[in-house]
Amino acid sequence: MRDDALLTVPEATARLKTGRSALYDLLRTRRLASLAIGRTRPIPAHALADYVQRHMEEAAREDELLLGT
């Protein structure tokens, strides 16, 4: 396993350029996958990539609806 395969909450917030509360909201609503290991909540790096990809696809669909293309 690579060193960056599991990210801490601060590492994930830095990569997403978002705040801690926003990240915990994504985790709470299960829009972002994570693991539960004791009291920690590591986030797989691929889960961040999946979230960003889904978010980009949703934005593109919204743009299509707005622009009618």
PDB file of N, CA and C in Angstrom:
ATOM      1  N   MET A   1       0.842  -1.178   0.000  1.00  0.00           N
ATOM      2  CA  MET A   1       0.000   0.000   0.000  1.00  0.00           C
ATOM      3  C   MET A   1       0.886   1.239   0.000  1.00  0.00           C
ATOM      4  N   ARG A   2       0.561   2.193  -0.851  1.00  0.00           N
ATOM      5  CA  ARG A   2       1.337   3.430  -0.900  1.00  0.00           C
ATOM      6  C   ARG A   2       1.104   4.249   0.352  1.00  0.00           C
ATOM      7  N   ASP A   3       2.059   5.125   0.658  1.00  0.00           N
ATOM      8  CA  ASP A   3       1.953   5.976   1.841  1.00  0.00           C
ATOM      9  C   ASP A   3       0.728   6.873   1.805  1.00  0.00           C
ATOM     10  N   ASP A   4       0.315   7.299   0.607  1.00  0.00           N
ATOM     11  CA  ASP A   4      -0.817   8.216   0.523  1.00  0.00           C
ATOM     12  C   ASP A   4      -2.131   7.508   0.191  1.00  0.00           C
ATOM     13  N   ALA A   5      -2.155   6.176   0.339  1.00  0.00           N
ATOM     14  CA  ALA A   5      -3.373   5.438   0.017  1.00  0.00           C
ATOM     15  C   ALA A   5      -4.495   5.777   0.989  1.00  0.00           C
ATOM     16  N   LEU A   6      -4.160   6.046   2.243  1.00  0.00           N
ATOM     17  CA  LEU A   6      -5.142   6.468   3.243  1.00  0.00           C
ATOM     18  C   LEU A   6      -4.764   7.853   3.734  1.00  0.00           C
ATOM     19  N   LEU A   7      -5.711   8.763   3.674  1.00  0.00           N
ATOM     20  CA  LEU A   7      -5.451  10.151   4.046  1.00  0.00           C
ATOM     21  C   LEU A   7      -6.130  10.491   5.363  1.00  0.00           C
ATOM     22  N   THR A   8      -5.510  11.372   6.104  1.00  0.00           N
ATOM     23  CA  THR A   8      -6.145  11.898   7.308  1.00  0.00           C
ATOM     24  C   THR A   8      -7.138  12.974   6.885  1.00  0.00           C
ATOM     25  N   VAL A   9      -7.984  13.381   7.811  1.00  0.00           N
ATOM     26  CA  VAL A   9      -8.940  14.451   7.508  1.00  0.00           C
ATOM     27  C   VAL A   9      -8.211  15.733   7.084  1.00  0.00           C
ATOM     28  N   PRO A  10      -7.157  16.158   7.802  1.00  0.00           N
ATOM     29  CA  PRO A  10      -6.449  17.368   7.337  1.00  0.00           C
ATOM     30  C   PRO A  10      -5.846  17.209   5.937  1.00  0.00           C
ATOM     31  N   GLU A  11      -5.322  16.031   5.614  1.00  0.00           N
ATOM     32  CA  GLU A  11      -4.770  15.815   4.270  1.00  0.00           C
ATOM     33  C   GLU A  11      -5.863  15.880   3.216  1.00  0.00           C
ATOM     34  N   ALA A  12      -7.020  15.285   3.519  1.00  0.00           N
ATOM     35  CA  ALA A  12      -8.138  15.291   2.566  1.00  0.00           C
ATOM     36  C   ALA A  12      -8.686  16.705   2.374  1.00  0.00           C
ATOM     37  N   THR A  13      -8.786  17.467   3.460  1.00  0.00           N
ATOM     38  CA  THR A  13      -9.273  18.842   3.315  1.00  0.00           C
ATOM     39  C   THR A  13      -8.316  19.669   2.475  1.00  0.00           C
ATOM     40  N   ALA A  14      -7.026  19.425   2.630  1.00  0.00           N
ATOM     41  CA  ALA A  14      -6.036  20.154   1.835  1.00  0.00           C
ATOM     42  C   ALA A  14      -6.165  19.795   0.356  1.00  0.00           C
ATOM     43  N   ARG A  15      -6.356  18.522   0.072  1.00  0.00           N
ATOM     44  CA  ARG A  15      -6.474  18.115  -1.333  1.00  0.00           C
ATOM     45  C   ARG A  15      -7.746  18.641  -1.980  1.00  0.00           C
ATOM     46  N   LEU A  16      -8.836  18.655  -1.223  1.00  0.00           N
ATOM     47  CA  LEU A  16     -10.104  19.155  -1.768  1.00  0.00           C
ATOM     48  C   LEU A  16     -10.229  20.665  -1.657  1.00  0.00           C
ATOM     49  N   LYS A  17      -9.302  21.274  -0.907  1.00  0.00           N
ATOM     50  CA  LYS A  17      -9.327  22.727  -0.677  1.00  0.00           C
ATOM     51  C   LYS A  17     -10.676  23.137  -0.073  1.00  0.00           C
ATOM     52  N   THR A  18     -11.041  22.432   0.975  1.00  0.00           N
ATOM     53  CA  THR A  18     -12.294  22.693   1.669  1.00  0.00           C
ATOM     54  C   THR A  18     -12.036  22.715   3.164  1.00  0.00           C
ATOM     55  N   GLY A  19     -13.008  23.063   3.924  1.00  0.00           N
ATOM     56  CA  GLY A  19     -12.859  23.104   5.369  1.00  0.00           C
ATOM     57  C   GLY A  19     -13.171  21.769   6.022  1.00  0.00           C
ATOM     58  N   ARG A  20     -12.789  21.687   7.269  1.00  0.00           N
ATOM     59  CA  ARG A  20     -12.981  20.463   8.049  1.00  0.00           C
ATOM     60  C   ARG A  20     -14.467  20.123   8.186  1.00  0.00           C
ATOM     61  N   SER A  21     -15.294  21.113   8.477  1.00  0.00           N
ATOM     62  CA  SER A  21     -16.735  20.873   8.631  1.00  0.00           C
ATOM     63  C   SER A  21     -17.359  20.366   7.337  1.00  0.00           C
ATOM     64  N   ALA A  22     -16.955  20.950   6.226  1.00  0.00           N
ATOM     65  CA  ALA A  22     -17.483  20.516   4.929  1.00  0.00           C
ATOM     66  C   ALA A  22     -17.083  19.078   4.641  1.00  0.00           C
ATOM     67  N   LEU A  23     -15.849  18.716   4.991  1.00  0.00           N
ATOM     68  CA  LEU A  23     -15.399  17.346   4.756  1.00  0.00           C
ATOM     69  C   LEU A  23     -16.175  16.374   5.636  1.00  0.00           C
ATOM     70  N   TYR A  24     -16.349  16.717   6.898  1.00  0.00           N
ATOM     71  CA  TYR A  24     -17.123  15.841   7.777  1.00  0.00           C
ATOM     72  C   TYR A  24     -18.570  15.723   7.309  1.00  0.00           C
ATOM     73  N   ASP A  25     -19.115  16.765   6.705  1.00  0.00           N
ATOM     74  CA  ASP A  25     -20.461  16.677   6.141  1.00  0.00           C
ATOM     75  C   ASP A  25     -20.495  15.680   4.986  1.00  0.00           C
ATOM     76  N   LEU A  26     -19.479  15.701   4.139  1.00  0.00           N
ATOM     77  CA  LEU A  26     -19.393  14.724   3.044  1.00  0.00           C
ATOM     78  C   LEU A  26     -19.306  13.302   3.589  1.00  0.00           C
ATOM     79  N   LEU A  27     -18.546  13.120   4.667  1.00  0.00           N
ATOM     80  CA  LEU A  27     -18.424  11.795   5.279  1.00  0.00           C
ATOM     81  C   LEU A  27     -19.746  11.375   5.918  1.00  0.00           C
ATOM     82  N   ARG A  28     -20.363  12.300   6.645  1.00  0.00           N
ATOM     83  CA  ARG A  28     -21.614  11.992   7.353  1.00  0.00           C
ATOM     84  C   ARG A  28     -22.726  11.594   6.386  1.00  0.00           C
ATOM     85  N   THR A  29     -22.795  12.273   5.251  1.00  0.00           N
ATOM     86  CA  THR A  29     -23.836  11.999   4.265  1.00  0.00           C
ATOM     87  C   THR A  29     -23.424  10.898   3.283  1.00  0.00           C
ATOM     88  N   ARG A  30     -22.258  10.348   3.491  1.00  0.00           N
ATOM     89  CA  ARG A  30     -21.722   9.237   2.683  1.00  0.00           C
ATOM     90  C   ARG A  30     -21.515   9.589   1.218  1.00  0.00           C
ATOM     91  N   ARG A  31     -21.317  10.880   0.944  1.00  0.00           N
ATOM     92  CA  ARG A  31     -20.944  11.281  -0.410  1.00  0.00           C
ATOM     93  C   ARG A  31     -19.461  11.042  -0.639  1.00  0.00           C
ATOM     94  N   LEU A  32     -18.718  10.884   0.453  1.00  0.00           N
ATOM     95  CA  LEU A  32     -17.292  10.578   0.394  1.00  0.00           C
ATOM     96  C   LEU A  32     -17.052   9.356   1.261  1.00  0.00           C
ATOM     97  N   ALA A  33     -16.473   8.329   0.671  1.00  0.00           N
ATOM     98  CA  ALA A  33     -16.230   7.078   1.389  1.00  0.00           C
ATOM     99  C   ALA A  33     -15.059   7.213   2.350  1.00  0.00           C
ATOM    100  N   SER A  34     -15.157   6.492   3.456  1.00  0.00           N
ATOM    101  CA  SER A  34     -14.066   6.467   4.429  1.00  0.00           C
ATOM    102  C   SER A  34     -14.116   5.160   5.196  1.00  0.00           C
ATOM    103  N   LEU A  35     -13.092   4.940   5.973  1.00  0.00           N
ATOM    104  CA  LEU A  35     -13.013   3.762   6.832  1.00  0.00           C
ATOM    105  C   LEU A  35     -13.214   4.193   8.275  1.00  0.00           C
ATOM    106  N   ALA A  36     -13.595   3.257   9.110  1.00  0.00           N
ATOM    107  CA  ALA A  36     -13.676   3.527  10.543  1.00  0.00           C
ATOM    108  C   ALA A  36     -12.675   2.599  11.224  1.00  0.00           C
ATOM    109  N   ILE A  37     -11.599   3.193  11.711  1.00  0.00           N
ATOM    110  CA  ILE A  37     -10.572   2.426  12.404  1.00  0.00           C
ATOM    111  C   ILE A  37     -10.410   3.064  13.778  1.00  0.00           C
ATOM    112  N   GLY A  38     -11.013   2.438  14.775  1.00  0.00           N
ATOM    113  CA  GLY A  38     -10.997   3.029  16.105  1.00  0.00           C
ATOM    114  C   GLY A  38     -11.688   4.370  16.075  1.00  0.00           C
ATOM    115  N   ARG A  39     -11.002   5.390  16.555  1.00  0.00           N
ATOM    116  CA  ARG A  39     -11.575   6.740  16.560  1.00  0.00           C
ATOM    117  C   ARG A  39     -11.143   7.550  15.345  1.00  0.00           C
ATOM    118  N   THR A  40     -10.368   6.941  14.472  1.00  0.00           N
ATOM    119  CA  THR A  40      -9.909   7.667  13.291  1.00  0.00           C
ATOM    120  C   THR A  40     -10.841   7.405  12.115  1.00  0.00           C
ATOM    121  N   ARG A  41     -10.788   8.273  11.127  1.00  0.00           N
ATOM    122  CA  ARG A  41     -11.626   8.175   9.944  1.00  0.00           C
ATOM    123  C   ARG A  41     -10.756   8.388   8.710  1.00  0.00           C
ATOM    124  N   PRO A  42      -9.856   7.401   8.408  1.00  0.00           N
ATOM    125  CA  PRO A  42      -9.016   7.569   7.221  1.00  0.00           C
ATOM    126  C   PRO A  42      -9.844   7.503   5.937  1.00  0.00           C
ATOM    127  N   ILE A  43      -9.396   8.262   4.963  1.00  0.00           N
ATOM    128  CA  ILE A  43     -10.113   8.373   3.690  1.00  0.00           C
ATOM    129  C   ILE A  43      -9.213   7.829   2.584  1.00  0.00           C
ATOM    130  N   PRO A  44      -9.664   6.799   1.876  1.00  0.00           N
ATOM    131  CA  PRO A  44      -8.854   6.288   0.768  1.00  0.00           C
ATOM    132  C   PRO A  44      -8.652   7.367  -0.299  1.00  0.00           C
ATOM    133  N   ALA A  45      -7.437   7.470  -0.798  1.00  0.00           N
ATOM    134  CA  ALA A  45      -7.140   8.478  -1.813  1.00  0.00           C
ATOM    135  C   ALA A  45      -8.032   8.297  -3.037  1.00  0.00           C
ATOM    136  N   HIS A  46      -8.319   7.043  -3.390  1.00  0.00           N
ATOM    137  CA  HIS A  46      -9.176   6.816  -4.562  1.00  0.00           C
ATOM    138  C   HIS A  46     -10.597   7.311  -4.314  1.00  0.00           C
ATOM    139  N   ALA A  47     -11.040   7.365  -3.043  1.00  0.00           N
ATOM    140  CA  ALA A  47     -12.377   7.876  -2.738  1.00  0.00           C
ATOM    141  C   ALA A  47     -12.461   9.367  -3.060  1.00  0.00           C
ATOM    142  N   LEU A  48     -11.360  10.098  -2.826  1.00  0.00           N
ATOM    143  CA  LEU A  48     -11.341  11.520  -3.191  1.00  0.00           C
ATOM    144  C   LEU A  48     -11.433  11.677  -4.703  1.00  0.00           C
ATOM    145  N   ALA A  49     -10.667  10.871  -5.420  1.00  0.00           N
ATOM    146  CA  ALA A  49     -10.698  10.947  -6.885  1.00  0.00           C
ATOM    147  C   ALA A  49     -12.087  10.605  -7.403  1.00  0.00           C
ATOM    148  N   ASP A  50     -12.735   9.585  -6.823  1.00  0.00           N
ATOM    149  CA  ASP A  50     -14.089   9.209  -7.233  1.00  0.00           C
ATOM    150  C   ASP A  50     -15.078  10.337  -6.965  1.00  0.00           C
ATOM    151  N   TYR A  51     -14.957  10.968  -5.802  1.00  0.00           N
ATOM    152  CA  TYR A  51     -15.854  12.066  -5.443  1.00  0.00           C
ATOM    153  C   TYR A  51     -15.699  13.225  -6.426  1.00  0.00           C
ATOM    154  N   VAL A  52     -14.465  13.601  -6.721  1.00  0.00           N
ATOM    155  CA  VAL A  52     -14.222  14.711  -7.649  1.00  0.00           C
ATOM    156  C   VAL A  52     -14.779  14.374  -9.026  1.00  0.00           C
ATOM    157  N   GLN A  53     -14.575  13.145  -9.486  1.00  0.00           N
ATOM    158  CA  GLN A  53     -15.090  12.739 -10.798  1.00  0.00           C
ATOM    159  C   GLN A  53     -16.614  12.829 -10.834  1.00  0.00           C
ATOM    160  N   ARG A  54     -17.281  12.309  -9.803  1.00  0.00           N
ATOM    161  CA  ARG A  54     -18.747  12.386  -9.748  1.00  0.00           C
ATOM    162  C   ARG A  54     -19.213  13.837  -9.718  1.00  0.00           C
ATOM    163  N   HIS A  55     -18.528  14.659  -8.953  1.00  0.00           N
ATOM    164  CA  HIS A  55     -18.886  16.075  -8.843  1.00  0.00           C
ATOM    165  C   HIS A  55     -18.741  16.780 -10.195  1.00  0.00           C
ATOM    166  N   MET A  56     -17.686  16.474 -10.916  1.00  0.00           N
ATOM    167  CA  MET A  56     -17.468  17.067 -12.239  1.00  0.00           C
ATOM    168  C   MET A  56     -18.555  16.617 -13.223  1.00  0.00           C
ATOM    169  N   GLU A  57     -18.931  15.347 -13.170  1.00  0.00           N
ATOM    170  CA  GLU A  57     -19.971  14.840 -14.061  1.00  0.00           C
ATOM    171  C   GLU A  57     -21.313  15.497 -13.761  1.00  0.00           C
ATOM    172  N   GLU A  58     -21.629  15.671 -12.471  1.00  0.00           N
ATOM    173  CA  GLU A  58     -22.870  16.343 -12.090  1.00  0.00           C
ATOM    174  C   GLU A  58     -22.877  17.793 -12.579  1.00  0.00           C
ATOM    175  N   ALA A  59     -21.760  18.467 -12.444  1.00  0.00           N
ATOM    176  CA  ALA A  59     -21.659  19.855 -12.899  1.00  0.00           C
ATOM    177  C   ALA A  59     -21.846  19.943 -14.408  1.00  0.00           C
ATOM    178  N   ALA A  60     -21.279  18.992 -15.139  1.00  0.00           N
ATOM    179  CA  ALA A  60     -21.426  18.986 -16.596  1.00  0.00           C
ATOM    180  C   ALA A  60     -22.887  18.765 -16.984  1.00  0.00           C
ATOM    181  N   ARG A  61     -23.585  17.859 -16.275  1.00  0.00           N
ATOM    182  CA  ARG A  61     -25.003  17.622 -16.564  1.00  0.00           C
ATOM    183  C   ARG A  61     -25.828  18.874 -16.272  1.00  0.00           C
ATOM    184  N   GLU A  62     -25.524  19.548 -15.178  1.00  0.00           N
ATOM    185  CA  GLU A  62     -26.240  20.791 -14.843  1.00  0.00           C
ATOM    186  C   GLU A  62     -25.998  21.851 -15.914  1.00  0.00           C
ATOM    187  N   ASP A  63     -24.753  21.946 -16.389  1.00  0.00           N
ATOM    188  CA  ASP A  63     -24.444  22.908 -17.452  1.00  0.00           C
ATOM    189  C   ASP A  63     -25.248  22.594 -18.702  1.00  0.00           C
ATOM    190  N   GLU A  64     -25.362  21.306 -19.052  1.00  0.00           N
ATOM    191  CA  GLU A  64     -26.116  20.910 -20.232  1.00  0.00           C
ATOM    192  C   GLU A  64     -27.582  21.310 -20.098  1.00  0.00           C
ATOM    193  N   LEU A  65     -28.125  21.113 -18.894  1.00  0.00           N
ATOM    194  CA  LEU A  65     -29.531  21.482 -18.668  1.00  0.00           C
ATOM    195  C   LEU A  65     -29.728  22.983 -18.772  1.00  0.00           C
ATOM    196  N   LEU A  66     -28.806  23.746 -18.211  1.00  0.00           N
ATOM    197  CA  LEU A  66     -28.913  25.211 -18.232  1.00  0.00           C
ATOM    198  C   LEU A  66     -28.740  25.759 -19.640  1.00  0.00           C
ATOM    199  N   LEU A  67     -27.804  25.180 -20.383  1.00  0.00           N
ATOM    200  CA  LEU A  67     -27.491  25.699 -21.709  1.00  0.00           C
ATOM    201  C   LEU A  67     -28.345  25.052 -22.797  1.00  0.00           C
ATOM    202  N   GLY A  68     -29.042  23.976 -22.452  1.00  0.00           N
ATOM    203  CA  GLY A  68     -29.911  23.309 -23.412  1.00  0.00           C
ATOM    204  C   GLY A  68     -29.164  22.602 -24.517  1.00  0.00           C
ATOM    205  N   THR A  69     -27.966  22.108 -24.211  1.00  0.00           N
ATOM    206  CA  THR A  69     -27.200  21.388 -25.236  1.00  0.00           C
ATOM    207  C   THR A  69     -27.162  19.922 -24.967  1.00  0.00           C
TER     208      THR A  69
END
